[in-house]
C-alpha atoms as a PDB file:
ATOM      1  CA  LEU A   1       0.013   0.030  -0.016  1.00  0.00           C
ATOM      2  CA  GLU A   2       2.919   2.188   0.702  1.00  0.00           C
ATOM      3  CA  LYS A   3       4.194   1.689  -2.887  1.00  0.00           C
ATOM      4  CA  ALA A   4       0.770   2.307  -4.287  1.00  0.00           C
ATOM      5  CA  ALA A   5       0.594   5.670  -2.348  1.00  0.00           C
ATOM      6  CA  ASN A   6       4.051   6.656  -3.543  1.00  0.00           C
ATOM      7  CA  ASN A   7       2.988   5.668  -7.140  1.00  0.00           C
ATOM      8  CA  ALA A   8      -0.066   7.813  -6.867  1.00  0.00           C
ATOM      9  CA  ARG A   9       1.994  10.708  -5.737  1.00  0.00           C
ATOM     10  CA  ALA A  10       4.486  10.163  -8.499  1.00  0.00           C
ATOM     11  CA  MET A  11       1.526  10.220 -11.015  1.00  0.00           C
ATOM     12  CA  GLY A  12       0.159  13.237  -9.435  1.00  0.00           C
ATOM     13  CA  VAL A  13      -3.258  11.719  -8.538  1.00  0.00           C
ATOM     14  CA  SER A  14      -5.158  11.666  -5.328  1.00  0.00           C
ATOM     15  CA  VAL A  15      -3.835   9.007  -2.920  1.00  0.00           C
ATOM     16  CA  ASP A  16      -7.351   8.760  -1.562  1.00  0.00           C
ATOM     17  CA  ALA A  17      -8.903   8.034  -4.876  1.00  0.00           C
ATOM     18  CA  VAL A  18      -6.285   5.333  -5.621  1.00  0.00           C
ATOM     19  CA  MET A  19      -6.805   3.684  -2.130  1.00  0.00           C
ATOM     20  CA  ASP A  20     -10.562   3.626  -2.888  1.00  0.00           C
ATOM     21  CA  ASN A  21      -9.768   1.913  -6.249  1.00  0.00           C
ATOM     22  CA  ILE A  22      -7.584  -0.638  -4.505  1.00  0.00           C
ATOM     23  CA  SER A  23     -10.173  -1.374  -1.899  1.00  0.00           C
ATOM     24  CA  ALA A  24     -12.770  -1.910  -4.587  1.00  0.00           C
ATOM     25  CA  GLY A  25     -10.467  -4.160  -6.704  1.00  0.00           C
ATOM     26  CA  LEU A  26      -8.941  -6.302  -3.832  1.00  0.00           C
ATOM     27  CA  ASP A  27     -11.528  -9.027  -4.620  1.00  0.00           C
ATOM     28  CA  ASP A  28     -10.352  -9.128  -8.191  1.00  0.00           C
ATOM     29  CA  VAL A  29      -6.578  -9.717  -7.365  1.00  0.00           C
ATOM     30  CA  ASN A  30      -7.171 -13.424  -7.125  1.00  0.00           C
ATOM     31  CA  LYS A  31      -9.790 -13.561  -9.854  1.00  0.00           C
ATOM     32  CA  TYR A  32      -7.564 -11.853 -12.424  1.00  0.00           C
ATOM     33  CA  GLY A  33      -3.853 -11.791 -12.693  1.00  0.00           C
ATOM     34  CA  PHE A  34      -1.592  -8.796 -12.056  1.00  0.00           C
ATOM     35  CA  GLU A  35       2.135  -8.784 -12.937  1.00  0.00           C
ATOM     36  CA  LYS A  36       3.104  -7.913  -9.426  1.00  0.00           C
ATOM     37  CA  GLY A  37       0.015  -8.641  -7.436  1.00  0.00           C
ATOM     38  CA  VAL A  38      -1.331  -5.745  -5.248  1.00  0.00           C
ATOM     39  CA  GLU A  39       1.515  -3.431  -6.591  1.00  0.00           C
ATOM     40  CA  GLY A  40       0.173  -4.002 -10.055  1.00  0.00           C
ATOM     41  CA  LEU A  41      -3.328  -3.289  -8.903  1.00  0.00           C
ATOM     42  CA  GLY A  42      -2.008  -0.081  -7.238  1.00  0.00           C
ATOM     43  CA  ARG A  43      -0.571   1.040 -10.580  1.00  0.00           C
ATOM     44  CA  MET A  44      -3.789   0.315 -12.331  1.00  0.00           C
ATOM     45  CA  ALA A  45      -5.749   2.083  -9.547  1.00  0.00           C
ATOM     46  CA  ALA A  46      -3.477   5.099 -10.027  1.00  0.00           C
ATOM     47  CA  ARG A  47      -3.994   5.068 -13.812  1.00  0.00           C
ATOM     48  CA  ALA A  48      -7.710   4.726 -13.474  1.00  0.00           C
ATOM     49  CA  ALA A  49      -7.700   7.752 -11.015  1.00  0.00           C
ATOM     50  CA  ALA A  50      -5.628   9.793 -13.411  1.00  0.00           C
ATOM     51  CA  MET A  51      -8.135   9.020 -16.244  1.00  0.00           C
ATOM     52  CA  ARG A  52     -11.117   9.432 -13.981  1.00  0.00           C
ATOM     53  CA  VAL A  53     -12.614   6.166 -14.829  1.00  0.00           C
ATOM     54  CA  ASP A  54     -13.983   3.216 -12.909  1.00  0.00           C
ATOM     55  CA  MET A  55     -11.582   0.200 -12.703  1.00  0.00           C
ATOM     56  CA  LYS A  56     -14.581  -2.136 -12.453  1.00  0.00           C
ATOM     57  CA  SER A  57     -15.279  -1.569 -16.166  1.00  0.00           C
ATOM     58  CA  VAL A  58     -11.926  -2.840 -17.067  1.00  0.00           C
ATOM     59  CA  PHE A  59     -12.568  -6.030 -14.914  1.00  0.00           C
ATOM     60  CA  GLU A  60     -15.947  -6.542 -16.669  1.00  0.00           C
ATOM     61  CA  PHE A  61     -14.184  -6.188 -20.004  1.00  0.00           C
ATOM     62  CA  ALA A  62     -11.641  -8.696 -18.844  1.00  0.00           C
ATOM     63  CA  GLU A  63     -14.467 -11.081 -17.922  1.00  0.00           C
ATOM     64  CA  ARG A  64     -15.995 -10.786 -21.460  1.00  0.00           C
ATOM     65  CA  VAL A  65     -12.761 -11.793 -23.194  1.00  0.00           C
ATOM     66  CA  PHE A  66     -11.718 -14.519 -20.696  1.00  0.00           C
ATOM     67  CA  ALA A  67     -13.199 -17.349 -22.948  1.00  0.00           C
ATOM     68  CA  PRO A  68     -11.611 -18.025 -26.395  1.00  0.00           C
ATOM     69  CA  GLU A  69     -14.900 -17.624 -28.314  1.00  0.00           C
ATOM     70  CA  LYS A  70     -15.512 -14.140 -26.721  1.00  0.00           C
ATOM     71  CA  ALA A  71     -11.975 -13.003 -27.363  1.00  0.00           C
ATOM     72  CA  ILE A  72     -12.127 -13.936 -31.003  1.00  0.00           C
ATOM     73  CA  GLU A  73     -15.517 -12.150 -31.377  1.00  0.00           C
ATOM     74  CA  MET A  74     -14.204  -9.073 -29.559  1.00  0.00           C
ATOM     75  CA  VAL A  75     -11.067  -8.913 -31.858  1.00  0.00           C
ATOM     76  CA  ALA A  76     -13.236  -9.350 -34.989  1.00  0.00           C
ATOM     77  CA  GLY A  77     -15.393  -6.552 -33.729  1.00  0.00           C
ATOM     78  CA  PHE A  78     -12.390  -4.341 -33.091  1.00  0.00           C
ATOM     79  CA  GLN A  79     -10.923  -4.986 -36.474  1.00  0.00           C
ATOM     80  CA  ARG A  80     -14.192  -4.213 -38.244  1.00  0.00           C
ATOM     81  CA  MET A  81     -14.156  -0.645 -36.598  1.00  0.00           C
ATOM     82  CA  GLY A  82     -10.441  -0.206 -37.058  1.00  0.00           C
ATOM     83  CA  VAL A  83      -9.775  -0.345 -33.338  1.00  0.00           C
ATOM     84  CA  ALA A  84      -7.418  -3.434 -33.352  1.00  0.00           C
ATOM     85  CA  ALA A  85      -4.216  -1.971 -32.129  1.00  0.00           C
ATOM     86  CA  GLY A  86      -1.407  -3.685 -30.281  1.00  0.00           C
ATOM     87  CA  ASP A  87      -2.338  -6.468 -27.982  1.00  0.00           C
ATOM     88  CA  LEU A  88      -5.985  -6.029 -28.777  1.00  0.00           C
ATOM     89  CA  ALA A  89      -5.482  -7.350 -32.342  1.00  0.00           C
ATOM     90  CA  ASP A  90      -4.620 -10.913 -31.026  1.00  0.00           C
ATOM     91  CA  PRO A  91      -7.332 -12.987 -29.310  1.00  0.00           C
ATOM     92  CA  PHE A  92      -4.889 -15.199 -27.611  1.00  0.00           C
ATOM     93  CA  ARG A  93      -2.920 -12.267 -26.161  1.00  0.00           C
ATOM     94  CA  LEU A  94      -6.253 -10.629 -25.177  1.00  0.00           C
ATOM     95  CA  MET A  95      -7.327 -13.662 -23.235  1.00  0.00           C
ATOM     96  CA  TYR A  96      -3.761 -13.772 -21.591  1.00  0.00           C
ATOM     97  CA  LEU A  97      -4.047 -10.166 -20.553  1.00  0.00           C
ATOM     98  CA  ALA A  98      -7.639 -10.751 -19.214  1.00  0.00           C
ATOM     99  CA  SER A  99      -6.398 -13.724 -17.060  1.00  0.00           C
ATOM    100  CA  GLU A 100      -2.871 -12.719 -16.103  1.00  0.00           C
ATOM    101  CA  ASP A 101      -2.202  -9.133 -16.534  1.00  0.00           C
ATOM    102  CA  VAL A 102      -5.246  -6.827 -16.263  1.00  0.00           C
ATOM    103  CA  GLU A 103      -3.061  -3.886 -15.756  1.00  0.00           C
ATOM    104  CA  GLU A 104      -1.625  -4.133 -19.143  1.00  0.00           C
ATOM    105  CA  LEU A 105      -4.985  -4.799 -20.596  1.00  0.00           C
ATOM    106  CA  GLN A 106      -6.039  -1.365 -19.285  1.00  0.00           C
ATOM    107  CA  ILE A 107      -2.982   0.121 -20.808  1.00  0.00           C
ATOM    108  CA  GLN A 108      -3.585  -1.466 -24.206  1.00  0.00           C
ATOM    109  CA  LEU A 109      -7.171  -0.499 -24.106  1.00  0.00           C
ATOM    110  CA  SER A 110      -6.391   3.115 -23.335  1.00  0.00           C
ATOM    111  CA  LYS A 111      -3.826   3.301 -26.123  1.00  0.00           C
ATOM    112  CA  SER A 112      -6.281   1.859 -28.693  1.00  0.00           C
ATOM    113  CA  LEU A 113      -8.797   4.710 -27.758  1.00  0.00           C
ATOM    114  CA  GLU A 114      -6.431   7.598 -28.139  1.00  0.00           C
ATOM    115  CA  LYS A 115      -7.141   7.851 -31.810  1.00  0.00           C
ATOM    116  CA  PHE A 116     -10.808   8.670 -31.212  1.00  0.00           C
ATOM    117  CA  SER A 117      -9.843  12.137 -29.582  1.00  0.00           C
ATOM    118  CA  THR A 118      -8.356  15.064 -31.333  1.00  0.00           C
ATOM    119  CA  PHE A 119      -7.206  18.434 -30.025  1.00  0.00           C
ATOM    120  CA  ASP A 120      -9.062  21.354 -31.495  1.00  0.00           C
ATOM    121  CA  GLU A 121      -6.524  24.335 -31.608  1.00  0.00           C
ATOM    122  CA  LYS A 122      -9.512  26.716 -32.136  1.00  0.00           C
ATOM    123  CA  THR A 123     -11.311  25.829 -28.945  1.00  0.00           C
ATOM    124  CA  LYS A 124      -8.257  24.518 -27.039  1.00  0.00           C
ATOM    125  CA  SER A 125     -10.092  21.360 -26.177  1.00  0.00           C
ATOM    126  CA  PHE A 126     -10.297  17.717 -26.969  1.00  0.00           C
ATOM    127  CA  ARG A 127     -13.123  16.723 -29.250  1.00  0.00           C
ATOM    128  CA  ILE A 128     -14.635  13.473 -30.550  1.00  0.00           C
ATOM    129  CA  SER A 129     -15.789  13.365 -34.235  1.00  0.00           C
ATOM    130  CA  PRO A 130     -19.271  12.210 -35.064  1.00  0.00           C
ATOM    131  CA  GLN A 131     -17.975   9.004 -36.598  1.00  0.00           C
ATOM    132  CA  ALA A 132     -15.778   8.436 -33.468  1.00  0.00           C
ATOM    133  CA  LYS A 133     -18.883   8.887 -31.291  1.00  0.00           C
ATOM    134  CA  ARG A 134     -20.557   6.068 -33.191  1.00  0.00           C
ATOM    135  CA  ASP A 135     -17.572   3.892 -33.017  1.00  0.00           C
ATOM    136  CA  LEU A 136     -17.256   4.503 -29.313  1.00  0.00           C
ATOM    137  CA  ARG A 137     -20.934   3.627 -28.756  1.00  0.00           C
ATOM    138  CA  GLU A 138     -20.432   0.330 -30.604  1.00  0.00           C
ATOM    139  CA  ILE A 139     -17.164  -0.284 -28.558  1.00  0.00           C
ATOM    140  CA  SER A 140     -19.173   0.343 -25.353  1.00  0.00           C
ATOM    141  CA  GLN A 141     -21.727  -2.238 -26.410  1.00  0.00           C
ATOM    142  CA  GLN A 142     -19.098  -4.845 -27.179  1.00  0.00           C
ATOM    143  CA  THR A 143     -16.752  -4.205 -24.262  1.00  0.00           C
ATOM    144  CA  GLY A 144     -19.403  -3.508 -21.574  1.00  0.00           C
ATOM    145  CA  ILE A 145     -17.331  -0.294 -20.668  1.00  0.00           C
ATOM    146  CA  GLY A 146     -19.552   2.762 -20.435  1.00  0.00           C
ATOM    147  CA  TYR A 147     -19.435   5.260 -23.237  1.00  0.00           C
ATOM    148  CA  ASP A 148     -18.527   8.087 -20.876  1.00  0.00           C
ATOM    149  CA  ASP A 149     -15.607   6.041 -19.564  1.00  0.00           C
ATOM    150  CA  LEU A 150     -14.447   5.297 -23.064  1.00  0.00           C
ATOM    151  CA  VAL A 151     -14.601   9.042 -23.864  1.00  0.00           C
ATOM    152  CA  LYS A 152     -12.552   9.903 -20.775  1.00  0.00           C
ATOM    153  CA  MET A 153      -9.984   7.140 -21.469  1.00  0.00           C
ATOM    154  CA  SER A 154      -9.647   8.494 -25.107  1.00  0.00           C
ATOM    155  CA  GLN A 155      -9.255  12.226 -24.080  1.00  0.00           C
ATOM    156  CA  ALA A 156      -7.004  11.372 -21.095  1.00  0.00           C
ATOM    157  CA  GLY A 157      -4.769   9.164 -23.305  1.00  0.00           C
ATOM    158  CA  GLN A 158      -4.541  11.808 -26.075  1.00  0.00           C
ATOM    159  CA  LYS A 159      -3.819  14.522 -23.476  1.00  0.00           C
ATOM    160  CA  MET A 160      -1.046  12.529 -21.822  1.00  0.00           C
ATOM    161  CA  GLN A 161       0.471  11.632 -25.145  1.00  0.00           C
ATOM    162  CA  MET A 162       0.324  15.331 -26.263  1.00  0.00           C
ATOM    163  CA  LEU A 163       1.892  16.623 -23.122  1.00  0.00           C
ATOM    164  CA  THR A 164       4.665  14.078 -22.599  1.00  0.00           C
ATOM    165  CA  LYS A 165       5.839  14.382 -26.217  1.00  0.00           C
ATOM    166  CA  ASP A 166       6.199  18.115 -25.741  1.00  0.00           C
ATOM    167  CA  PHE A 167       8.886  17.769 -23.125  1.00  0.00           C
ATOM    168  CA  LYS A 168      12.233  18.473 -24.654  1.00  0.00           C
ATOM    169  CA  LEU A 169      14.206  18.871 -21.523  1.00  0.00           C
ATOM    170  CA  ALA A 170      17.242  16.448 -21.036  1.00  0.00           C
ATOM    171  CA  GLY A 171      17.327  14.198 -17.981  1.00  0.00           C
ATOM    172  CA  ILE A 172      13.590  13.826 -17.524  1.00  0.00           C
ATOM    173  CA  ASP A 173      12.526  10.307 -17.062  1.00  0.00           C
ATOM    174  CA  GLU A 174       9.103   8.953 -18.223  1.00  0.00           C
ATOM    175  CA  GLU A 175       7.738   8.846 -14.662  1.00  0.00           C
ATOM    176  CA  SER A 176       8.653  12.555 -14.166  1.00  0.00           C
ATOM    177  CA  LYS A 177       7.083  13.527 -17.586  1.00  0.00           C
ATOM    178  CA  GLN A 178       3.922  11.737 -16.511  1.00  0.00           C
ATOM    179  CA  PHE A 179       3.816  13.577 -13.176  1.00  0.00           C
ATOM    180  CA  ILE A 180       4.357  16.881 -14.781  1.00  0.00           C
ATOM    181  CA  ALA A 181       1.636  16.160 -17.494  1.00  0.00           C
END
């Protein structure tokens, strides 16, 4: 828990929110796999707090792709919509992440959603195109993750990517870039 609190501070998110997420997800530690047990759950909780999404939705998604048939259906649906990116394009990798590394599943899902948000220079805000809204609604139905959470994940991922790539200072590691962002 101390490592989780330190990780939350390093990411610049509320320690209370991370601890609440960990409490809610403790039952899932034995149901799903985490690379480093509770420490992995802590990192996942911090990431969820930073994106302002509910971790439970990622666990529900993992449950949906736990079985081979469901993972294959999910990958086919992702490919049809052009979402299949990284580990989400392979049903066997998807099943592995659902059963052994839910933290990485959350990361891959977030990365695949980044493309649905764009930064509007005119309004200085992140926007989702009408076609992306339709795709996100279909992704929501397939994954069981709420539309609002998908939008938050998309915008948070795009924002973090934008901010961290702008850092040109020498000697700043990825963790520091993420904290500053």
